[in-house]
Amino acid sequence: MPTPARLTINDVARAAGVSRGTVSNVFSHPERVRPELRERVETVARDIGYGGPDPRGRLLRRGKFGAVGYVVPGAYGFVNLIESPFGREMLLGVADACDAAGISLTLIDGRAAQIEAAVDNALVDGLIIGTAGSAPVIERAMRRGMRVAIVDVAADAAISSVSIDAVTGAKLAARHLLDLGHRRFAIVSVRRTQGEPIDHAPGRRTTTLRDGGPLDREKLRGYSEALTAAGLDINAMPVLETVPWQADIGPALFAAAPDATAILVMSDRQAMTILRDFARLGRRVPEQASIVGFDGVPDGAAALPPLTTIEQPTREKARRATELALSAGPAQHSMLSVKLLVRASSGPAPA
């Protein structure tokens, strides 16, 4: 007798003295089999250790899996996705769309060492991708006949995409602080791979990030355009690139920009860490330094002080991307608007 892992319905049929079709009906269409015969086949299957047909074979025959795959962005992994306030909002948006469509959600490791094999083996109908360097992944997915939707990353016109107006959002953030009288700025960007903070000291070329993604570069362009219009040179300002979960952004920022009164931060998670670090360092917000984040995650309203931020419709973005990754027809492209939420972390420049 084969081992349980290799047992087939043929083995059950021989052991029960019935046809292969009868066993198949017991597991796939039990209503077609007389109750006493069905019970006999089920008992034999249990006795020999057969757990049922391999669902992968049935799914492959159908050509549909009833699932969508979400590629966890960049080098961050599953833990940081769940720990991230923004990551949770994205996940909830994808889950909302999956619930509405009655399908399953598969998380796919987006780290370079795993992503290609993960995409090749994923039993999903569509793929949501929100990471830089995604072209090879898109190619693999398209070869498998998957629908693909890109989030916040430039894509070919033939690939559906959902993005936000990051340039306008960054301009709103910078103009808000300029209108409050601030002239000494520092910028905190998102580093997209693991590593220590990257410090772009004033005087270096800061209009190009060393480890940022397309969305980060759009935000930096928005900051730059607003500051330039006010007669300020972004190249004279400190720029710090850190991973979102960096535990000591505040001290690193204070060392890089001790005189800055206006801090433009590209994610709320980083901004909330700076708020906590500044409180520990005795640097008062907003009396000594104003901070504006980007994302509009719910946690920002509960920060101390509540975080001024650029709010993007994160769940809606994720929902739309999921719907596009599951829909047939030509590619669609959506650009979602953002807005400034003014709270207590920003105030007039100190005299």
Protein backbone atom coordinates (compact mmCIF):
# COMPACT_ATOMS: atom_id res chain seq x y z
CA MET A 1 0.00 0.00 0.00
CA PRO A 2 1.40 3.49 -0.87
CA THR A 3 2.16 5.95 1.95
CA PRO A 4 -0.77 8.27 2.88
CA ALA A 5 0.82 11.21 1.08
CA ARG A 6 0.81 9.20 -2.17
CA LEU A 7 -2.54 7.48 -1.90
CA THR A 8 -4.99 8.16 -4.73
CA ILE A 9 -8.68 7.56 -5.32
CA ASN A 10 -7.67 4.43 -7.24
CA ASP A 11 -6.27 2.96 -3.99
CA VAL A 12 -9.51 3.79 -2.19
CA ALA A 13 -11.56 2.26 -5.00
CA ARG A 14 -9.58 -1.02 -4.85
CA ALA A 15 -9.82 -1.20 -1.05
CA ALA A 16 -13.56 -0.47 -1.04
CA GLY A 17 -14.37 -2.65 -4.04
CA VAL A 18 -16.02 0.17 -5.99
CA SER A 19 -15.28 2.12 -9.14
CA ARG A 20 -12.97 5.11 -9.36
CA GLY A 21 -15.96 7.25 -10.37
CA THR A 22 -17.83 6.31 -7.21
CA VAL A 23 -14.92 7.41 -5.00
CA SER A 24 -14.61 10.64 -6.98
CA ASN A 25 -18.30 11.36 -6.43
CA VAL A 26 -18.02 10.62 -2.70
CA PHE A 27 -15.47 13.40 -2.32
CA SER A 28 -16.68 15.84 -4.98
CA HIS A 29 -20.44 15.20 -5.36
CA PRO A 30 -21.55 13.20 -2.27
CA GLU A 31 -25.23 13.79 -3.05
CA ARG A 32 -24.87 11.45 -6.05
CA VAL A 33 -23.90 8.43 -3.90
CA ARG A 34 -26.26 6.32 -1.75
CA PRO A 35 -25.70 7.12 1.95
CA GLU A 36 -24.70 3.55 2.91
CA LEU A 37 -22.19 3.32 0.02
CA ARG A 38 -20.83 6.78 0.76
CA GLU A 39 -20.31 5.82 4.41
CA ARG A 40 -18.47 2.63 3.40
CA VAL A 41 -16.10 4.49 1.07
CA GLU A 42 -15.43 7.21 3.67
CA THR A 43 -14.66 4.55 6.30
CA VAL A 44 -12.21 2.77 3.99
CA ALA A 45 -10.56 6.07 3.10
CA ARG A 46 -10.06 6.91 6.78
CA ASP A 47 -8.75 3.44 7.55
CA ILE A 48 -6.05 3.55 4.87
CA GLY A 49 -5.17 7.20 5.59
CA TYR A 50 -6.51 8.89 2.45
CA GLY A 51 -7.39 12.52 3.17
CA GLY A 52 -9.12 13.44 -0.06
CA PRO A 53 -8.21 14.65 -3.56
CA ASP A 54 -5.34 17.13 -3.94
CA PRO A 55 -7.13 20.49 -4.37
CA ARG A 56 -4.29 21.79 -6.54
CA GLY A 57 -5.17 19.38 -9.32
CA ARG A 58 -8.81 20.44 -9.28
CA LEU A 59 -7.83 24.11 -9.33
CA LEU A 60 -5.41 23.61 -12.20
CA ARG A 61 -8.08 21.81 -14.21
CA ARG A 62 -10.52 24.65 -13.61
CA GLY A 63 -7.90 27.27 -14.51
CA LYS A 64 -9.15 29.53 -11.67
CA PHE A 65 -7.90 29.62 -8.10
CA GLY A 66 -10.34 32.02 -6.45
CA ALA A 67 -7.50 34.00 -4.88
CA VAL A 68 -5.48 37.16 -5.37
CA GLY A 69 -1.83 37.62 -4.39
CA TYR A 70 -0.48 40.71 -2.65
CA VAL A 71 3.27 41.12 -2.99
CA VAL A 72 4.63 42.51 0.29
CA PRO A 73 6.61 45.61 -0.72
CA GLY A 74 10.37 45.68 -0.92
CA ALA A 75 12.74 44.20 1.61
CA TYR A 76 10.41 44.56 4.57
CA GLY A 77 8.84 41.11 4.99
CA PHE A 78 5.57 40.02 6.58
CA VAL A 79 6.25 41.20 10.14
CA ASN A 80 6.95 44.77 9.16
CA LEU A 81 3.91 44.83 6.89
CA ILE A 82 1.68 43.95 9.84
CA GLU A 83 3.51 46.23 12.27
CA SER A 84 3.30 49.17 9.88
CA PRO A 85 0.19 51.38 10.27
CA PHE A 86 0.27 52.02 6.50
CA GLY A 87 0.83 48.32 5.76
CA ARG A 88 -2.20 47.39 7.85
CA GLU A 89 -4.36 49.88 5.97
CA MET A 90 -3.22 48.43 2.64
CA LEU A 91 -3.91 44.91 3.88
CA LEU A 92 -7.38 45.89 5.11
CA GLY A 93 -8.20 47.46 1.74
CA VAL A 94 -7.14 44.33 -0.12
CA ALA A 95 -9.08 42.18 2.35
CA ASP A 96 -12.20 44.33 1.89
CA ALA A 97 -12.13 43.71 -1.85
CA CYS A 98 -11.45 39.98 -1.36
CA ASP A 99 -14.39 39.66 1.03
CA ALA A 100 -16.66 41.47 -1.42
CA ALA A 101 -15.56 39.18 -4.27
CA GLY A 102 -15.71 36.00 -2.17
CA ILE A 103 -12.08 35.10 -2.86
CA SER A 104 -9.00 34.29 -0.79
CA LEU A 105 -5.92 36.42 -0.18
CA THR A 106 -2.37 35.13 -0.50
CA LEU A 107 0.57 37.17 0.83
CA ILE A 108 3.67 36.83 -1.33
CA ASP A 109 7.16 37.53 -0.02
CA GLY A 110 8.49 40.55 -1.93
CA ARG A 111 12.12 40.17 -0.91
CA ALA A 112 14.51 39.68 -3.82
CA ALA A 113 15.66 36.20 -2.82
CA GLN A 114 12.12 34.80 -2.67
CA ILE A 115 9.84 36.82 -4.93
CA GLU A 116 10.38 35.13 -8.31
CA ALA A 117 9.89 31.59 -6.98
CA ALA A 118 6.94 32.78 -4.90
CA VAL A 119 5.21 34.27 -7.94
CA ASP A 120 5.95 31.17 -10.03
CA ASN A 121 4.33 28.91 -7.43
CA ALA A 122 1.46 31.11 -6.23
CA LEU A 123 -2.01 29.66 -6.80
CA VAL A 124 -3.67 33.01 -7.54
CA ASP A 125 -5.64 34.57 -10.39
CA GLY A 126 -4.23 38.08 -10.05
CA LEU A 127 -1.31 39.91 -8.50
CA ILE A 128 -1.07 43.25 -6.69
CA ILE A 129 2.44 44.71 -6.78
CA GLY A 130 3.63 47.78 -4.94
CA THR A 131 7.40 47.62 -5.05
CA ALA A 132 10.25 49.10 -7.06
CA GLY A 133 12.13 46.78 -9.41
CA SER A 134 8.91 44.96 -10.27
CA ALA A 135 9.43 44.52 -14.04
CA PRO A 136 10.78 40.92 -13.83
CA VAL A 137 7.94 39.97 -11.49
CA ILE A 138 5.36 41.44 -13.87
CA GLU A 139 6.89 39.48 -16.76
CA ARG A 140 6.68 36.20 -14.81
CA ALA A 141 3.10 36.90 -13.79
CA MET A 142 2.06 37.78 -17.34
CA ARG A 143 3.64 34.58 -18.67
CA ARG A 144 1.40 32.66 -16.27
CA GLY A 145 -1.65 34.53 -17.55
CA MET A 146 -2.21 36.48 -14.33
CA ARG A 147 -3.87 39.86 -14.19
CA VAL A 148 -1.55 42.41 -12.58
CA ALA A 149 -2.23 45.73 -10.85
CA ILE A 150 0.61 48.06 -9.85
CA VAL A 151 0.38 50.33 -6.80
CA ASP A 152 2.42 53.57 -6.69
CA VAL A 153 4.96 52.34 -9.21
CA ALA A 154 5.20 53.48 -12.83
CA ALA A 155 4.07 50.73 -15.18
CA ASP A 156 3.57 50.04 -18.85
CA ALA A 157 0.30 51.42 -20.23
CA ALA A 158 -0.88 47.84 -20.73
CA ILE A 159 -0.67 47.12 -16.98
CA SER A 160 -3.41 48.43 -14.66
CA SER A 161 -2.24 50.83 -11.98
CA VAL A 162 -3.48 52.82 -8.99
CA SER A 163 -1.42 55.70 -7.65
CA ILE A 164 -1.72 58.89 -5.63
CA ASP A 165 -0.85 62.47 -6.50
CA ALA A 166 2.28 62.43 -4.37
CA VAL A 167 3.77 65.59 -5.90
CA THR A 168 0.73 67.65 -4.96
CA GLY A 169 0.67 66.12 -1.48
CA ALA A 170 4.31 67.01 -0.86
CA LYS A 171 3.70 70.55 -2.10
CA LEU A 172 0.77 70.92 0.32
CA ALA A 173 2.97 69.78 3.22
CA ALA A 174 5.84 72.13 2.36
CA ARG A 175 3.57 75.12 1.67
CA HIS A 176 1.77 74.59 4.99
CA LEU A 177 5.04 74.96 6.89
CA LEU A 178 6.19 77.85 4.68
CA ASP A 179 2.90 79.67 5.41
CA LEU A 180 3.64 79.21 9.13
CA GLY A 181 6.89 81.14 8.63
CA HIS A 182 9.37 78.23 8.59
CA ARG A 183 12.58 78.56 6.61
CA ARG A 184 14.90 75.97 8.19
CA PHE A 185 13.82 72.59 6.83
CA ALA A 186 14.91 68.96 7.06
CA ILE A 187 13.49 66.02 5.11
CA VAL A 188 13.12 62.38 6.16
CA SER A 189 12.65 59.85 3.35
CA VAL A 190 11.90 56.12 3.29
CA ARG A 191 14.85 53.82 2.73
CA ARG A 192 13.66 50.85 0.66
CA THR A 193 16.28 48.30 1.69
CA GLN A 194 17.72 47.26 5.04
CA GLY A 195 20.51 49.36 6.48
CA GLU A 196 21.55 52.30 8.61
CA PRO A 197 20.21 55.82 7.94
CA ILE A 198 21.66 57.54 4.88
CA ASP A 199 22.56 61.14 5.70
CA HIS A 200 22.61 63.62 2.82
CA ALA A 201 24.35 66.58 4.41
CA PRO A 202 23.61 70.11 3.11
CA GLY A 203 25.58 70.96 0.00
CA ARG A 204 25.33 67.46 -1.48
CA ARG A 205 22.98 66.61 -4.33
CA THR A 206 19.78 65.79 -2.45
CA THR A 207 17.34 65.97 -5.36
CA THR A 208 18.16 62.29 -6.02
CA LEU A 209 17.60 59.75 -3.24
CA ARG A 210 20.13 56.94 -2.91
CA ASP A 211 17.70 54.23 -1.80
CA GLY A 212 14.22 55.56 -2.48
CA GLY A 213 11.42 54.30 -4.69
CA PRO A 214 9.41 56.10 -7.38
CA LEU A 215 6.85 57.40 -4.88
CA ASP A 216 9.60 58.81 -2.64
CA ARG A 217 11.15 60.61 -5.59
CA GLU A 218 7.75 62.11 -6.45
CA LYS A 219 7.40 63.41 -2.90
CA LEU A 220 10.91 64.86 -2.97
CA ARG A 221 10.07 66.62 -6.24
CA GLY A 222 6.96 68.13 -4.67
CA TYR A 223 8.92 69.37 -1.66
CA SER A 224 11.58 70.80 -3.96
CA GLU A 225 9.13 72.65 -6.20
CA ALA A 226 7.34 74.28 -3.24
CA LEU A 227 10.56 75.24 -1.49
CA THR A 228 12.15 76.57 -4.68
CA ALA A 229 9.08 78.74 -5.31
CA ALA A 230 9.67 80.24 -1.85
CA GLY A 231 13.30 81.01 -2.69
CA LEU A 232 14.79 78.09 -0.73
CA ASP A 233 17.34 75.57 -2.04
CA ILE A 234 16.59 71.95 -1.21
CA ASN A 235 20.29 71.14 -1.74
CA ALA A 236 21.05 73.28 1.31
CA MET A 237 18.79 71.13 3.50
CA PRO A 238 19.62 67.88 5.32
CA VAL A 239 17.89 64.79 3.92
CA LEU A 240 17.81 61.55 5.90
CA GLU A 241 16.79 58.18 4.42
CA THR A 242 15.73 55.59 7.00
CA VAL A 243 13.79 52.34 7.07
CA PRO A 244 10.27 53.01 8.39
CA TRP A 245 10.82 51.09 11.64
CA GLN A 246 14.12 52.81 12.50
CA ALA A 247 13.97 53.07 16.29
CA ASP A 248 16.16 56.16 16.69
CA ILE A 249 15.23 58.44 13.81
CA GLY A 250 14.89 61.39 16.18
CA PRO A 251 18.49 61.43 17.47
CA ALA A 252 19.83 60.81 13.95
CA LEU A 253 17.70 63.66 12.61
CA PHE A 254 18.70 66.01 15.44
CA ALA A 255 22.37 65.25 14.79
CA ALA A 256 21.92 65.90 11.07
CA ALA A 257 19.74 69.01 11.40
CA PRO A 258 19.98 70.55 14.88
CA ASP A 259 18.67 73.94 13.71
CA ALA A 260 15.72 72.71 11.62
CA THR A 261 12.32 74.00 12.75
CA ALA A 262 10.32 72.26 9.99
CA ILE A 263 10.50 68.51 9.39
CA LEU A 264 8.94 67.05 6.24
CA VAL A 265 8.54 63.28 6.67
CA MET A 266 7.55 60.87 3.89
CA SER A 267 5.66 58.40 6.11
CA ASP A 268 3.51 58.73 9.21
CA ARG A 269 5.28 55.82 10.87
CA GLN A 270 8.58 57.70 10.72
CA ALA A 271 6.91 60.94 11.80
CA MET A 272 5.35 59.32 14.88
CA THR A 273 8.73 57.85 15.84
CA ILE A 274 10.27 61.32 15.59
CA LEU A 275 7.51 62.71 17.81
CA ARG A 276 8.33 60.13 20.48
CA ASP A 277 12.07 60.66 20.12
CA PHE A 278 11.78 64.44 20.32
CA ALA A 279 9.68 64.14 23.49
CA ARG A 280 12.41 61.98 25.02
CA LEU A 281 15.10 64.44 23.90
CA GLY A 282 13.19 67.40 25.36
CA ARG A 283 12.60 68.99 21.94
CA ARG A 284 9.11 70.50 22.03
CA VAL A 285 6.67 70.00 19.14
CA PRO A 286 5.50 72.30 17.63
CA GLU A 287 7.08 75.06 19.72
CA GLN A 288 10.64 74.22 18.64
CA ALA A 289 10.02 72.01 15.61
CA SER A 290 6.97 71.33 13.46
CA ILE A 291 6.48 67.91 11.90
CA VAL A 292 4.31 66.96 8.91
CA GLY A 293 3.92 63.30 7.94
CA PHE A 294 2.50 61.58 4.89
CA ASP A 295 -0.16 58.81 4.68
CA GLY A 296 -2.96 59.80 7.05
CA VAL A 297 -2.98 56.53 9.01
CA PRO A 298 -5.50 56.40 11.90
CA ASP A 299 -2.70 56.14 14.48
CA GLY A 300 -1.59 59.68 13.66
CA ALA A 301 -4.68 61.21 15.28
CA ALA A 302 -3.73 59.55 18.60
CA ALA A 303 -0.07 60.63 18.53
CA LEU A 304 1.27 63.12 21.07
CA PRO A 305 0.78 65.72 19.76
CA PRO A 306 -1.66 64.62 17.02
CA LEU A 307 0.16 64.47 13.71
CA THR A 308 -0.32 66.93 10.89
CA THR A 309 -0.12 64.87 7.72
CA ILE A 310 -0.99 64.40 4.08
CA GLU A 311 -3.89 61.97 3.97
CA GLN A 312 -4.10 59.51 1.11
CA PRO A 313 -7.04 57.10 0.59
CA THR A 314 -4.96 54.00 1.38
CA ARG A 315 -7.78 51.49 1.76
CA GLU A 316 -9.50 52.75 -1.38
CA LYS A 317 -6.22 52.49 -3.28
CA ALA A 318 -5.80 48.89 -2.14
CA ARG A 319 -9.42 48.03 -2.93
CA ARG A 320 -9.16 49.40 -6.45
CA ALA A 321 -5.89 47.60 -7.09
CA THR A 322 -7.45 44.33 -5.97
CA GLU A 323 -10.46 44.81 -8.21
CA LEU A 324 -8.19 45.58 -11.17
CA ALA A 325 -6.07 42.50 -10.46
CA LEU A 326 -9.21 40.37 -10.75
CA SER A 327 -11.01 42.05 -13.64
CA ALA A 328 -10.92 41.21 -17.31
CA GLY A 329 -10.72 43.72 -20.10
CA PRO A 330 -8.24 46.49 -20.96
CA ALA A 331 -5.86 48.02 -18.44
CA GLN A 332 -7.17 50.86 -16.29
CA HIS A 333 -5.26 53.62 -14.52
CA SER A 334 -6.39 55.62 -11.49
CA MET A 335 -4.78 58.63 -9.84
CA LEU A 336 -6.23 59.33 -6.37
CA SER A 337 -6.14 62.75 -4.74
CA VAL A 338 -4.68 63.59 -1.34
CA LYS A 339 -5.37 66.30 1.24
CA LEU A 340 -3.68 68.12 4.09
CA LEU A 341 -4.86 67.30 7.64
CA VAL A 342 -3.71 70.03 10.02
CA ARG A 343 -3.28 68.91 13.60
CA ALA A 344 -1.19 69.95 16.59
CA SER A 345 2.26 68.79 15.42
CA SER A 346 2.65 71.89 13.23
CA GLY A 347 2.69 75.49 14.36
CA PRO A 348 4.30 78.88 13.72
CA ALA A 349 8.05 79.07 13.31
CA PRO A 350 9.83 79.99 16.54
CA ALA A 351 10.80 83.65 16.75
